[in-house]
Amino acid sequence: MPDVLIIDAVQRLAFIACEGNDRLVVLDMRTMRVTASFEVEKDPNVLAYDSSLQLLYVAGGAGVVSMFRVEVAAASKLGKGLLGPNAHVVAVDPETHRSPGFGLRTVLQCSHA
């Protein structure tokens, strides 16, 4: 059972963070199929979504926030940043599109595909 759910109504995608297996699941609501599944840090229980920039943030008990780019019916992991123990809050400023923890380049660890 999902612990946290955010829906992108325009793209008809559901983002589901699961604490039980430390995963982020992307569900295409048109087909009702999982289009992507990612490992995230321990106990993911907070999601924030910047629909303008199509960036998704996942945080939780490990104190790490992961950032994902949302694309048509999919997502890709951009990196992660350490906020501090028990980072159970993540937010995106709708005007500046900044999220605490990702404003500093030294905090972000980029993934290479």
N, C-alpha and C. Protein backbone atom coordinates (compact mmCIF):
# COMPACT_ATOMS: atom_id res chain seq x y z
N MET A 1 0.84 -1.18 0.00
CA MET A 1 0.00 0.00 0.00
C MET A 1 0.89 1.24 0.00
N PRO A 2 0.57 2.24 -0.85
CA PRO A 2 1.41 3.43 -0.90
C PRO A 2 1.30 4.26 0.36
N ASP A 3 2.42 4.88 0.71
CA ASP A 3 2.42 5.78 1.86
C ASP A 3 2.17 7.21 1.43
N VAL A 4 2.62 7.58 0.24
CA VAL A 4 2.48 8.94 -0.25
C VAL A 4 2.16 8.88 -1.73
N LEU A 5 1.26 9.78 -2.16
CA LEU A 5 0.82 9.79 -3.55
C LEU A 5 0.68 11.23 -4.01
N ILE A 6 1.23 11.53 -5.20
CA ILE A 6 1.01 12.81 -5.87
C ILE A 6 0.61 12.49 -7.30
N ILE A 7 -0.35 13.25 -7.83
CA ILE A 7 -0.82 13.02 -9.19
C ILE A 7 -0.54 14.24 -10.05
N ASP A 8 0.05 14.00 -11.23
CA ASP A 8 0.19 15.03 -12.25
C ASP A 8 -1.01 14.85 -13.17
N ALA A 9 -2.03 15.69 -12.99
CA ALA A 9 -3.29 15.54 -13.73
C ALA A 9 -3.11 15.80 -15.22
N VAL A 10 -2.19 16.67 -15.60
CA VAL A 10 -1.98 16.99 -17.01
C VAL A 10 -1.40 15.79 -17.74
N GLN A 11 -0.35 15.18 -17.18
CA GLN A 11 0.28 14.02 -17.82
C GLN A 11 -0.37 12.71 -17.43
N ARG A 12 -1.30 12.78 -16.47
CA ARG A 12 -1.99 11.59 -15.96
C ARG A 12 -1.01 10.55 -15.43
N LEU A 13 -0.10 11.05 -14.57
CA LEU A 13 0.87 10.19 -13.91
C LEU A 13 0.65 10.24 -12.41
N ALA A 14 0.81 9.11 -11.75
CA ALA A 14 0.76 9.03 -10.30
C ALA A 14 2.15 8.66 -9.81
N PHE A 15 2.64 9.41 -8.81
CA PHE A 15 3.94 9.15 -8.20
C PHE A 15 3.67 8.59 -6.82
N ILE A 16 4.18 7.41 -6.55
CA ILE A 16 3.88 6.69 -5.32
C ILE A 16 5.18 6.37 -4.60
N ALA A 17 5.32 6.88 -3.37
CA ALA A 17 6.48 6.56 -2.54
C ALA A 17 6.08 5.44 -1.58
N CYS A 18 6.87 4.39 -1.54
CA CYS A 18 6.56 3.22 -0.73
C CYS A 18 7.64 3.02 0.34
N GLU A 19 7.25 3.16 1.61
CA GLU A 19 8.21 2.97 2.70
C GLU A 19 8.62 1.52 2.86
N GLY A 20 7.72 0.60 2.59
CA GLY A 20 7.99 -0.81 2.82
C GLY A 20 9.18 -1.35 2.05
N ASN A 21 9.40 -0.81 0.83
CA ASN A 21 10.52 -1.30 0.03
C ASN A 21 11.42 -0.17 -0.48
N ASP A 22 11.24 1.05 0.06
CA ASP A 22 12.07 2.20 -0.29
C ASP A 22 12.13 2.42 -1.80
N ARG A 23 10.95 2.57 -2.40
CA ARG A 23 10.84 2.74 -3.85
C ARG A 23 9.97 3.95 -4.17
N LEU A 24 10.22 4.53 -5.33
CA LEU A 24 9.32 5.48 -5.96
C LEU A 24 8.80 4.79 -7.20
N VAL A 25 7.48 4.74 -7.34
CA VAL A 25 6.85 4.09 -8.48
C VAL A 25 6.11 5.16 -9.28
N VAL A 26 6.25 5.10 -10.61
CA VAL A 26 5.54 6.01 -11.51
C VAL A 26 4.49 5.18 -12.24
N LEU A 27 3.23 5.58 -12.08
CA LEU A 27 2.10 4.86 -12.68
C LEU A 27 1.47 5.72 -13.75
N ASP A 28 1.39 5.20 -14.97
CA ASP A 28 0.67 5.87 -16.05
C ASP A 28 -0.81 5.57 -15.85
N MET A 29 -1.59 6.58 -15.52
CA MET A 29 -3.00 6.36 -15.20
C MET A 29 -3.86 6.11 -16.44
N ARG A 30 -3.31 6.37 -17.63
CA ARG A 30 -4.05 6.04 -18.85
C ARG A 30 -4.09 4.53 -19.08
N THR A 31 -2.94 3.90 -18.85
CA THR A 31 -2.83 2.46 -19.09
C THR A 31 -2.90 1.64 -17.80
N MET A 32 -2.77 2.34 -16.66
CA MET A 32 -2.71 1.70 -15.33
C MET A 32 -1.53 0.74 -15.24
N ARG A 33 -0.41 1.14 -15.85
CA ARG A 33 0.82 0.36 -15.80
C ARG A 33 1.94 1.18 -15.19
N VAL A 34 2.82 0.50 -14.48
CA VAL A 34 4.00 1.14 -13.91
C VAL A 34 4.98 1.39 -15.04
N THR A 35 5.39 2.66 -15.20
CA THR A 35 6.33 3.01 -16.26
C THR A 35 7.77 3.11 -15.74
N ALA A 36 7.91 3.28 -14.42
CA ALA A 36 9.25 3.36 -13.85
C ALA A 36 9.18 3.04 -12.36
N SER A 37 10.29 2.53 -11.84
CA SER A 37 10.41 2.24 -10.42
C SER A 37 11.86 2.51 -10.03
N PHE A 38 12.05 3.29 -8.97
CA PHE A 38 13.39 3.69 -8.55
C PHE A 38 13.63 3.36 -7.09
N GLU A 39 14.85 2.99 -6.77
CA GLU A 39 15.26 2.91 -5.37
C GLU A 39 15.45 4.33 -4.87
N VAL A 40 14.96 4.60 -3.67
CA VAL A 40 15.20 5.87 -3.00
C VAL A 40 15.71 5.57 -1.61
N GLU A 41 16.14 6.59 -0.91
CA GLU A 41 16.69 6.39 0.42
C GLU A 41 15.63 5.87 1.38
N LYS A 42 16.07 5.42 2.53
CA LYS A 42 15.22 4.77 3.54
C LYS A 42 14.02 5.61 3.95
N ASP A 43 12.87 4.95 4.07
CA ASP A 43 11.62 5.52 4.57
C ASP A 43 11.13 6.74 3.79
N PRO A 44 10.93 6.64 2.48
CA PRO A 44 10.41 7.78 1.73
C PRO A 44 8.96 8.05 2.12
N ASN A 45 8.68 9.21 2.64
CA ASN A 45 7.32 9.48 3.06
C ASN A 45 6.85 10.91 2.79
N VAL A 46 7.59 11.64 1.95
CA VAL A 46 7.20 12.99 1.58
C VAL A 46 7.51 13.20 0.10
N LEU A 47 6.54 13.75 -0.63
CA LEU A 47 6.73 14.09 -2.03
C LEU A 47 6.40 15.56 -2.24
N ALA A 48 7.11 16.21 -3.14
CA ALA A 48 6.77 17.56 -3.60
C ALA A 48 6.98 17.57 -5.11
N TYR A 49 6.11 18.29 -5.82
CA TYR A 49 6.17 18.29 -7.28
C TYR A 49 6.07 19.71 -7.80
N ASP A 50 7.04 20.08 -8.62
CA ASP A 50 7.02 21.36 -9.32
C ASP A 50 6.55 21.06 -10.73
N SER A 51 5.26 21.25 -10.99
CA SER A 51 4.68 20.90 -12.28
C SER A 51 5.18 21.81 -13.41
N SER A 52 5.56 23.04 -13.08
CA SER A 52 6.06 23.96 -14.11
C SER A 52 7.38 23.46 -14.69
N LEU A 53 8.29 23.02 -13.83
CA LEU A 53 9.59 22.53 -14.28
C LEU A 53 9.62 21.01 -14.42
N GLN A 54 8.55 20.36 -14.03
CA GLN A 54 8.42 18.90 -14.05
C GLN A 54 9.53 18.23 -13.27
N LEU A 55 9.70 18.70 -12.02
CA LEU A 55 10.66 18.11 -11.09
C LEU A 55 9.92 17.56 -9.89
N LEU A 56 10.29 16.36 -9.50
CA LEU A 56 9.68 15.67 -8.36
C LEU A 56 10.75 15.46 -7.30
N TYR A 57 10.39 15.72 -6.04
CA TYR A 57 11.30 15.55 -4.92
C TYR A 57 10.73 14.50 -3.97
N VAL A 58 11.59 13.60 -3.49
CA VAL A 58 11.19 12.54 -2.57
C VAL A 58 12.10 12.63 -1.34
N ALA A 59 11.50 12.72 -0.14
CA ALA A 59 12.28 12.80 1.10
C ALA A 59 11.74 11.80 2.11
N GLY A 60 12.50 11.61 3.19
CA GLY A 60 12.05 10.69 4.22
C GLY A 60 12.98 10.63 5.40
N GLY A 61 12.85 9.56 6.15
CA GLY A 61 13.55 9.40 7.41
C GLY A 61 15.06 9.37 7.32
N ALA A 62 15.62 9.02 6.17
CA ALA A 62 17.07 8.96 6.04
C ALA A 62 17.69 10.35 5.93
N GLY A 63 16.86 11.38 5.74
CA GLY A 63 17.38 12.74 5.64
C GLY A 63 17.87 13.10 4.26
N VAL A 64 17.61 12.26 3.29
CA VAL A 64 18.05 12.48 1.91
C VAL A 64 16.85 12.81 1.05
N VAL A 65 17.03 13.80 0.16
CA VAL A 65 16.00 14.16 -0.81
C VAL A 65 16.51 13.77 -2.19
N SER A 66 15.70 13.01 -2.92
CA SER A 66 16.04 12.62 -4.30
C SER A 66 15.23 13.49 -5.25
N MET A 67 15.84 13.82 -6.39
CA MET A 67 15.18 14.68 -7.38
C MET A 67 15.04 13.92 -8.69
N PHE A 68 13.85 14.03 -9.28
CA PHE A 68 13.54 13.34 -10.53
C PHE A 68 13.01 14.31 -11.56
N ARG A 69 13.35 14.11 -12.83
CA ARG A 69 12.76 14.85 -13.95
C ARG A 69 11.61 14.01 -14.46
N VAL A 70 10.45 14.63 -14.61
CA VAL A 70 9.26 13.94 -15.10
C VAL A 70 9.11 14.27 -16.58
N GLU A 71 8.98 13.23 -17.38
CA GLU A 71 8.81 13.39 -18.82
C GLU A 71 7.55 12.64 -19.23
N VAL A 72 7.20 12.69 -20.47
CA VAL A 72 5.97 12.07 -20.94
C VAL A 72 5.94 10.60 -20.51
N ALA A 73 5.00 10.28 -19.64
CA ALA A 73 4.77 8.92 -19.16
C ALA A 73 5.97 8.26 -18.50
N ALA A 74 6.93 9.07 -18.01
CA ALA A 74 8.12 8.47 -17.38
C ALA A 74 8.78 9.47 -16.45
N ALA A 75 9.87 9.04 -15.86
CA ALA A 75 10.68 9.89 -14.98
C ALA A 75 12.11 9.38 -15.00
N SER A 76 13.03 10.26 -14.66
CA SER A 76 14.43 9.86 -14.55
C SER A 76 15.03 10.53 -13.33
N LYS A 77 15.91 9.82 -12.65
CA LYS A 77 16.53 10.34 -11.44
C LYS A 77 17.67 11.27 -11.80
N LEU A 78 17.65 12.49 -11.23
CA LEU A 78 18.68 13.47 -11.49
C LEU A 78 19.77 13.46 -10.43
N GLY A 79 19.40 13.20 -9.19
CA GLY A 79 20.39 13.21 -8.13
C GLY A 79 19.74 13.17 -6.77
N LYS A 80 20.56 13.37 -5.74
CA LYS A 80 20.06 13.37 -4.37
C LYS A 80 20.89 14.32 -3.54
N GLY A 81 20.31 14.79 -2.43
CA GLY A 81 21.01 15.69 -1.54
C GLY A 81 20.68 15.38 -0.10
N LEU A 82 21.65 15.56 0.78
CA LEU A 82 21.45 15.31 2.20
C LEU A 82 20.96 16.59 2.87
N LEU A 83 19.77 16.52 3.47
CA LEU A 83 19.23 17.66 4.20
C LEU A 83 19.54 17.57 5.67
N GLY A 84 19.44 16.39 6.24
CA GLY A 84 19.67 16.18 7.66
C GLY A 84 18.77 15.05 8.14
N PRO A 85 19.01 14.56 9.35
CA PRO A 85 18.22 13.43 9.87
C PRO A 85 16.73 13.72 9.86
N ASN A 86 15.96 12.70 9.51
CA ASN A 86 14.50 12.77 9.54
C ASN A 86 13.94 13.92 8.73
N ALA A 87 14.35 14.02 7.48
CA ALA A 87 13.87 15.08 6.59
C ALA A 87 12.46 14.73 6.11
N HIS A 88 11.50 14.97 6.97
CA HIS A 88 10.12 14.60 6.66
C HIS A 88 9.35 15.74 6.02
N VAL A 89 10.05 16.78 5.56
CA VAL A 89 9.40 17.90 4.90
C VAL A 89 10.22 18.26 3.67
N VAL A 90 9.54 18.38 2.55
CA VAL A 90 10.17 18.89 1.33
C VAL A 90 9.13 19.76 0.64
N ALA A 91 9.58 20.89 0.12
CA ALA A 91 8.66 21.82 -0.51
C ALA A 91 9.34 22.46 -1.71
N VAL A 92 8.52 23.00 -2.59
CA VAL A 92 9.00 23.71 -3.77
C VAL A 92 8.30 25.06 -3.79
N ASP A 93 9.09 26.13 -3.89
CA ASP A 93 8.54 27.47 -4.00
C ASP A 93 8.01 27.64 -5.42
N PRO A 94 6.70 27.87 -5.61
CA PRO A 94 6.14 27.95 -6.95
C PRO A 94 6.62 29.14 -7.77
N GLU A 95 7.15 30.17 -7.10
CA GLU A 95 7.64 31.33 -7.84
C GLU A 95 9.10 31.21 -8.24
N THR A 96 9.95 30.74 -7.32
CA THR A 96 11.38 30.63 -7.61
C THR A 96 11.78 29.24 -8.10
N HIS A 97 10.90 28.27 -7.88
CA HIS A 97 11.14 26.87 -8.26
C HIS A 97 12.32 26.27 -7.50
N ARG A 98 12.62 26.82 -6.33
CA ARG A 98 13.72 26.29 -5.52
C ARG A 98 13.16 25.38 -4.45
N SER A 99 13.98 24.41 -4.11
CA SER A 99 13.65 23.49 -3.03
C SER A 99 14.83 23.47 -2.07
N PRO A 100 14.57 23.59 -0.77
CA PRO A 100 15.68 23.54 0.18
C PRO A 100 16.50 22.27 -0.01
N GLY A 101 17.81 22.44 0.02
CA GLY A 101 18.71 21.30 -0.16
C GLY A 101 19.24 21.19 -1.57
N PHE A 102 18.52 21.78 -2.53
CA PHE A 102 18.98 21.73 -3.91
C PHE A 102 19.41 23.11 -4.39
N GLY A 103 19.39 24.10 -3.52
CA GLY A 103 19.87 25.42 -3.89
C GLY A 103 21.38 25.49 -3.90
N LEU A 104 22.04 24.58 -3.20
CA LEU A 104 23.50 24.56 -3.14
C LEU A 104 24.04 23.42 -4.00
N ARG A 105 24.91 23.74 -4.90
CA ARG A 105 25.45 22.71 -5.78
C ARG A 105 26.22 21.64 -5.04
N THR A 106 26.82 21.99 -3.92
CA THR A 106 27.63 21.02 -3.18
C THR A 106 26.79 19.92 -2.55
N VAL A 107 25.50 20.14 -2.41
CA VAL A 107 24.64 19.16 -1.77
C VAL A 107 24.17 18.11 -2.77
N LEU A 108 24.07 18.47 -4.02
CA LEU A 108 23.50 17.59 -5.03
C LEU A 108 24.54 16.61 -5.58
N GLN A 109 24.20 15.33 -5.56
CA GLN A 109 25.05 14.31 -6.16
C GLN A 109 24.34 13.85 -7.44
N CYS A 110 24.89 14.19 -8.57
CA CYS A 110 24.23 13.87 -9.84
C CYS A 110 24.48 12.43 -10.24
N SER A 111 23.45 11.80 -10.79
CA SER A 111 23.58 10.45 -11.31
C SER A 111 24.01 10.54 -12.77
N HIS A 112 24.80 9.60 -13.21
CA HIS A 112 25.22 9.57 -14.61
C HIS A 112 24.60 8.34 -15.25
N ALA A 113 23.90 8.57 -16.35
CA ALA A 113 23.24 7.45 -17.03
C ALA A 113 24.16 6.82 -18.05
